[in-house]
C-alpha atoms as a PDB file:
ATOM      1  CA  MET A   1      -2.592 -10.454  29.977  1.00  0.00           C
ATOM      2  CA  ALA A   2      -2.724  -8.534  26.693  1.00  0.00           C
ATOM      3  CA  SER A   3      -1.558 -10.268  23.562  1.00  0.00           C
ATOM      4  CA  ASP A   4       0.971  -8.756  21.162  1.00  0.00           C
ATOM      5  CA  ILE A   5      -0.181  -6.951  18.039  1.00  0.00           C
ATOM      6  CA  ASN A   6       1.804  -6.536  14.832  1.00  0.00           C
ATOM      7  CA  SER A   7      -0.367  -4.804  12.256  1.00  0.00           C
ATOM      8  CA  VAL A   8       0.193  -1.960   9.811  1.00  0.00           C
ATOM      9  CA  ILE A   9      -1.895  -0.140   7.201  1.00  0.00           C
ATOM     10  CA  LEU A  10      -0.207   2.193   4.728  1.00  0.00           C
ATOM     11  CA  VAL A  11      -1.365   4.196   1.722  1.00  0.00           C
ATOM     12  CA  GLY A  12       1.320   5.428  -0.625  1.00  0.00           C
ATOM     13  CA  ARG A  13       2.717   5.341  -4.149  1.00  0.00           C
ATOM     14  CA  LEU A  14       5.033   2.753  -5.663  1.00  0.00           C
ATOM     15  CA  THR A  15       8.588   4.023  -6.089  1.00  0.00           C
ATOM     16  CA  ARG A  16       9.415   1.309  -8.645  1.00  0.00           C
ATOM     17  CA  ASP A  17       7.687  -1.448 -10.584  1.00  0.00           C
ATOM     18  CA  ALA A  18       7.046  -4.626  -8.595  1.00  0.00           C
ATOM     19  CA  GLU A  19       9.570  -7.437  -9.058  1.00  0.00           C
ATOM     20  CA  LEU A  20       8.288 -11.003  -9.328  1.00  0.00           C
ATOM     21  CA  SER A  21      10.147 -14.028  -7.945  1.00  0.00           C
ATOM     22  CA  TYR A  22       9.174 -17.507  -6.818  1.00  0.00           C
ATOM     23  CA  LEU A  23       9.711 -19.288  -3.522  1.00  0.00           C
ATOM     24  CA  PRO A  24      11.112 -22.846  -3.556  1.00  0.00           C
ATOM     25  CA  SER A  25       7.515 -24.017  -3.025  1.00  0.00           C
ATOM     26  CA  GLY A  26       6.538 -22.377  -6.338  1.00  0.00           C
ATOM     27  CA  THR A  27       4.458 -19.608  -4.720  1.00  0.00           C
ATOM     28  CA  ALA A  28       4.789 -16.218  -6.396  1.00  0.00           C
ATOM     29  CA  ALA A  29       6.301 -13.342  -4.405  1.00  0.00           C
ATOM     30  CA  LEU A  30       6.275  -9.647  -5.263  1.00  0.00           C
ATOM     31  CA  ALA A  31       8.773  -7.128  -3.939  1.00  0.00           C
ATOM     32  CA  PHE A  32       8.224  -3.390  -4.251  1.00  0.00           C
ATOM     33  CA  SER A  33       8.638  -0.142  -2.347  1.00  0.00           C
ATOM     34  CA  ILE A  34       6.187   2.626  -1.547  1.00  0.00           C
ATOM     35  CA  ALA A  35       6.606   6.227  -0.489  1.00  0.00           C
ATOM     36  CA  VAL A  36       4.209   7.506   2.151  1.00  0.00           C
ATOM     37  CA  ASN A  37       4.073  11.263   2.678  1.00  0.00           C
ATOM     38  CA  ARG A  38       3.365  12.907   5.970  1.00  0.00           C
ATOM     39  CA  SER A  39       2.949  16.566   6.802  1.00  0.00           C
ATOM     40  CA  LYS A  40       4.582  18.066   9.838  1.00  0.00           C
ATOM     41  CA  LYS A  41       4.684  21.595  11.123  1.00  0.00           C
ATOM     42  CA  GLU A  42       8.028  23.300  11.628  1.00  0.00           C
ATOM     43  CA  GLY A  43       7.518  26.744  13.047  1.00  0.00           C
ATOM     44  CA  GLU A  44       4.792  28.356  10.966  1.00  0.00           C
ATOM     45  CA  GLN A  45       5.337  26.162   7.878  1.00  0.00           C
ATOM     46  CA  TRP A  46       3.992  22.754   6.974  1.00  0.00           C
ATOM     47  CA  ILE A  47       6.638  20.489   5.477  1.00  0.00           C
ATOM     48  CA  GLU A  48       6.066  17.265   3.516  1.00  0.00           C
ATOM     49  CA  GLU A  49       8.230  14.386   4.656  1.00  0.00           C
ATOM     50  CA  ALA A  50       8.460  11.154   2.651  1.00  0.00           C
ATOM     51  CA  ASN A  51       8.963   7.769   4.296  1.00  0.00           C
ATOM     52  CA  PHE A  52       9.955   4.754   2.200  1.00  0.00           C
ATOM     53  CA  PHE A  53       8.920   1.178   2.949  1.00  0.00           C
ATOM     54  CA  ASP A  54       9.907  -2.127   1.353  1.00  0.00           C
ATOM     55  CA  ILE A  55       6.959  -4.453   0.814  1.00  0.00           C
ATOM     56  CA  SER A  56       6.834  -8.237   0.269  1.00  0.00           C
ATOM     57  CA  TYR A  57       3.610  -9.790  -0.993  1.00  0.00           C
ATOM     58  CA  ILE A  58       3.498 -13.589  -1.160  1.00  0.00           C
ATOM     59  CA  SER A  59       0.323 -14.972  -2.676  1.00  0.00           C
ATOM     60  CA  LYS A  60      -1.075 -17.228  -5.376  1.00  0.00           C
ATOM     61  CA  SER A  61      -2.454 -14.089  -7.046  1.00  0.00           C
ATOM     62  CA  ALA A  62       0.871 -12.188  -6.981  1.00  0.00           C
ATOM     63  CA  GLU A  63       1.837 -13.328 -10.484  1.00  0.00           C
ATOM     64  CA  ASN A  64      -1.335 -11.888 -12.040  1.00  0.00           C
ATOM     65  CA  PHE A  65      -1.269  -8.792  -9.843  1.00  0.00           C
ATOM     66  CA  LYS A  66       2.262  -7.726 -10.859  1.00  0.00           C
ATOM     67  CA  GLN A  67       1.153  -5.973 -14.052  1.00  0.00           C
ATOM     68  CA  TYR A  68      -0.844  -3.429 -12.020  1.00  0.00           C
ATOM     69  CA  LEU A  69       1.903  -2.585  -9.535  1.00  0.00           C
ATOM     70  CA  VAL A  70       3.836   0.000 -11.510  1.00  0.00           C
ATOM     71  CA  LYS A  71       5.838   3.021 -10.433  1.00  0.00           C
ATOM     72  CA  GLY A  72       3.606   5.912  -9.349  1.00  0.00           C
ATOM     73  CA  LYS A  73       0.512   3.763  -8.700  1.00  0.00           C
ATOM     74  CA  GLN A  74      -1.241   4.503  -5.409  1.00  0.00           C
ATOM     75  CA  VAL A  75      -1.881   1.452  -3.226  1.00  0.00           C
ATOM     76  CA  ALA A  76      -3.213   0.585   0.209  1.00  0.00           C
ATOM     77  CA  ILE A  77      -1.218  -2.073   2.039  1.00  0.00           C
ATOM     78  CA  GLN A  78      -2.316  -4.081   5.053  1.00  0.00           C
ATOM     79  CA  GLY A  79       0.108  -6.440   6.727  1.00  0.00           C
ATOM     80  CA  SER A  80       2.663  -6.883   9.464  1.00  0.00           C
ATOM     81  CA  LEU A  81       6.219  -5.814  10.217  1.00  0.00           C
ATOM     82  CA  LYS A  82       9.117  -8.239   9.838  1.00  0.00           C
ATOM     83  CA  GLN A  83      12.671  -7.605  10.935  1.00  0.00           C
ATOM     84  CA  ASP A  84      15.452  -9.228   8.891  1.00  0.00           C
ATOM     85  CA  ARG A  85      18.793  -9.587  10.673  1.00  0.00           C
ATOM     86  CA  TRP A  86      22.199 -10.446   9.246  1.00  0.00           C
ATOM     87  CA  GLN A  87      25.894  -9.902   9.775  1.00  0.00           C
ATOM     88  CA  ASP A  88      27.706  -7.623   7.328  1.00  0.00           C
ATOM     89  CA  LYS A  89      30.337  -9.728   5.552  1.00  0.00           C
ATOM     90  CA  GLU A  90      32.784  -6.830   5.163  1.00  0.00           C
ATOM     91  CA  SER A  91      32.602  -5.187   8.595  1.00  0.00           C
ATOM     92  CA  GLY A  92      31.257  -8.072  10.668  1.00  0.00           C
ATOM     93  CA  GLN A  93      28.673  -5.725  12.212  1.00  0.00           C
ATOM     94  CA  ASN A  94      25.153  -6.871  12.904  1.00  0.00           C
ATOM     95  CA  ARG A  95      22.598  -5.266  10.598  1.00  0.00           C
ATOM     96  CA  SER A  96      18.818  -5.257  10.485  1.00  0.00           C
ATOM     97  CA  LYS A  97      16.035  -3.960   8.300  1.00  0.00           C
ATOM     98  CA  ILE A  98      12.299  -3.792   8.866  1.00  0.00           C
ATOM     99  CA  LYS A  99       9.960  -4.529   5.968  1.00  0.00           C
ATOM    100  CA  ILE A 100       6.228  -4.932   5.520  1.00  0.00           C
ATOM    101  CA  MET A 101       4.838  -8.410   4.862  1.00  0.00           C
ATOM    102  CA  ALA A 102       1.630  -7.543   2.991  1.00  0.00           C
ATOM    103  CA  SER A 103      -1.438  -9.680   3.543  1.00  0.00           C
ATOM    104  CA  SER A 104      -3.601  -7.397   1.388  1.00  0.00           C
ATOM    105  CA  VAL A 105      -2.733  -5.054  -1.472  1.00  0.00           C
ATOM    106  CA  GLN A 106      -5.395  -2.770  -2.888  1.00  0.00           C
ATOM    107  CA  LEU A 107      -5.007  -0.559  -5.948  1.00  0.00           C
ATOM    108  CA  LEU A 108      -6.322   2.967  -5.497  1.00  0.00           C
ATOM    109  CA  GLY A 109      -7.081   5.626  -8.062  1.00  0.00           C
ATOM    110  CA  GLY A 110      -8.801   5.228 -11.386  1.00  0.00           C
ATOM    111  CA  ARG A 111      -7.775   5.214 -15.012  1.00  0.00           C
ATOM    112  CA  SER A 112      -6.531   8.790 -14.703  1.00  0.00           C
ATOM    113  CA  ASP A 113      -4.055   7.945 -11.932  1.00  0.00           C
ATOM    114  CA  SER A 114      -0.548   9.419 -12.147  1.00  0.00           C
ATOM    115  CA  ASN A 115       0.764   6.719 -14.480  1.00  0.00           C
ATOM    116  CA  GLY A 116      -1.981   7.272 -17.045  1.00  0.00           C
ATOM    117  CA  GLY A 117      -3.935   4.221 -15.953  1.00  0.00           C
ATOM    118  CA  SER A 118      -2.872   0.666 -15.560  1.00  0.00           C
ATOM    119  CA  GLY A 119      -5.243  -0.781 -18.079  1.00  0.00           C
ATOM    120  CA  TYR A 120      -7.537  -2.405 -15.524  1.00  0.00           C
ATOM    121  CA  GLY A 121     -11.242  -1.787 -15.842  1.00  0.00           C
ATOM    122  CA  ASN A 122     -13.143   0.197 -13.277  1.00  0.00           C
ATOM    123  CA  SER A 123     -16.353  -1.792 -13.775  1.00  0.00           C
ATOM    124  CA  GLY A 124     -18.494   1.176 -12.785  1.00  0.00           C
ATOM    125  CA  TYR A 125     -16.352   2.236  -9.825  1.00  0.00           C
ATOM    126  CA  GLN A 126     -15.855   5.939 -10.378  1.00  0.00           C
ATOM    127  CA  GLY A 127     -12.781   7.906  -9.440  1.00  0.00           C
ATOM    128  CA  GLY A 128     -10.848   5.337  -7.499  1.00  0.00           C
ATOM    129  CA  GLY A 129     -12.667   2.026  -7.376  1.00  0.00           C
ATOM    130  CA  GLY A 130      -9.544  -0.003  -7.963  1.00  0.00           C
ATOM    131  CA  TYR A 131      -9.043  -3.700  -7.513  1.00  0.00           C
ATOM    132  CA  GLN A 132      -7.751  -5.796  -4.656  1.00  0.00           C
ATOM    133  CA  ALA A 133      -5.248  -8.570  -5.199  1.00  0.00           C
ATOM    134  CA  GLY A 134      -7.023 -11.475  -6.795  1.00  0.00           C
ATOM    135  CA  GLY A 135      -9.066  -9.262  -9.127  1.00  0.00           C
ATOM    136  CA  LYS A 136     -11.858  -8.500  -6.658  1.00  0.00           C
ATOM    137  CA  PRO A 137     -13.364  -5.009  -7.000  1.00  0.00           C
ATOM    138  CA  ALA A 138     -12.509  -2.804  -4.041  1.00  0.00           C
ATOM    139  CA  TYR A 139     -15.166  -0.542  -2.579  1.00  0.00           C
ATOM    140  CA  VAL A 140     -14.075   3.038  -2.099  1.00  0.00           C
ATOM    141  CA  PRO A 141     -16.796   5.482  -0.987  1.00  0.00           C
ATOM    142  CA  GLN A 142     -17.693   8.195  -3.463  1.00  0.00           C
ATOM    143  CA  GLN A 143     -18.394  11.825  -2.600  1.00  0.00           C
ATOM    144  CA  GLY A 144     -21.180  12.002  -0.034  1.00  0.00           C
ATOM    145  CA  GLN A 145     -21.196   8.256   0.734  1.00  0.00           C
ATOM    146  CA  GLY A 146     -19.530   8.443   4.122  1.00  0.00           C
ATOM    147  CA  PRO A 147     -15.999   8.689   5.444  1.00  0.00           C
ATOM    148  CA  ASP A 148     -13.047   7.594   3.333  1.00  0.00           C
ATOM    149  CA  PRO A 149     -10.962   5.180   5.453  1.00  0.00           C
ATOM    150  CA  TYR A 150      -7.815   6.394   3.687  1.00  0.00           C
ATOM    151  CA  GLY A 151      -8.165  10.040   4.664  1.00  0.00           C
ATOM    152  CA  GLY A 152      -9.535  11.407   1.376  1.00  0.00           C
ATOM    153  CA  ASP A 153     -12.570  13.596   1.032  1.00  0.00           C
ATOM    154  CA  GLY A 154     -15.245  10.922   0.959  1.00  0.00           C
ATOM    155  CA  GLY A 155     -17.882  13.340   2.174  1.00  0.00           C
ATOM    156  CA  GLY A 156     -17.145  13.100   5.903  1.00  0.00           C
ATOM    157  CA  PHE A 157     -19.568  12.160   8.650  1.00  0.00           C
ATOM    158  CA  PRO A 158     -23.179  13.328   8.462  1.00  0.00           C
ATOM    159  CA  GLU A 159     -23.932  16.340  10.618  1.00  0.00           C
ATOM    160  CA  ASP A 160     -26.403  14.427  12.808  1.00  0.00           C
ATOM    161  CA  VAL A 161     -23.860  11.941  14.192  1.00  0.00           C
ATOM    162  CA  PRO A 162     -24.136  12.248  17.998  1.00  0.00           C
ATOM    163  CA  PHE A 163     -20.391  12.377  18.751  1.00  0.00           C
END
């Protein structure tokens, strides 16, 4: 019997600065939203369609990471889906909303990102090294170093790959 899977990976841009709060246990929690664009063809034209996702990131490193999560910053999110359910107090109708519970947040882009840079150092990572939550440098392949897992032009596969 197959087991259930609840996993999501998204790359998008923050639509607002991250908001910091604390759980009763004292653990820091960040809340933010990202916009993820997708192209679709309608007739002979390609149209950009934006999807918006609410993200929750609960981690010891969230407090320090907040300063980098600013509107316009590109991030990669890995996590799972969570459905919140409640009853509307005014209408009495049942409501629900799906959000992403991030287990990993990775900053993308370099100092010249859309917000003019976040002030974090690239430590030799050119054009999009970024940092993962917790201050660990994130590896992003440079031109000609293999495929970019986020769909960018990382040089693609070598021509001699047998598939």
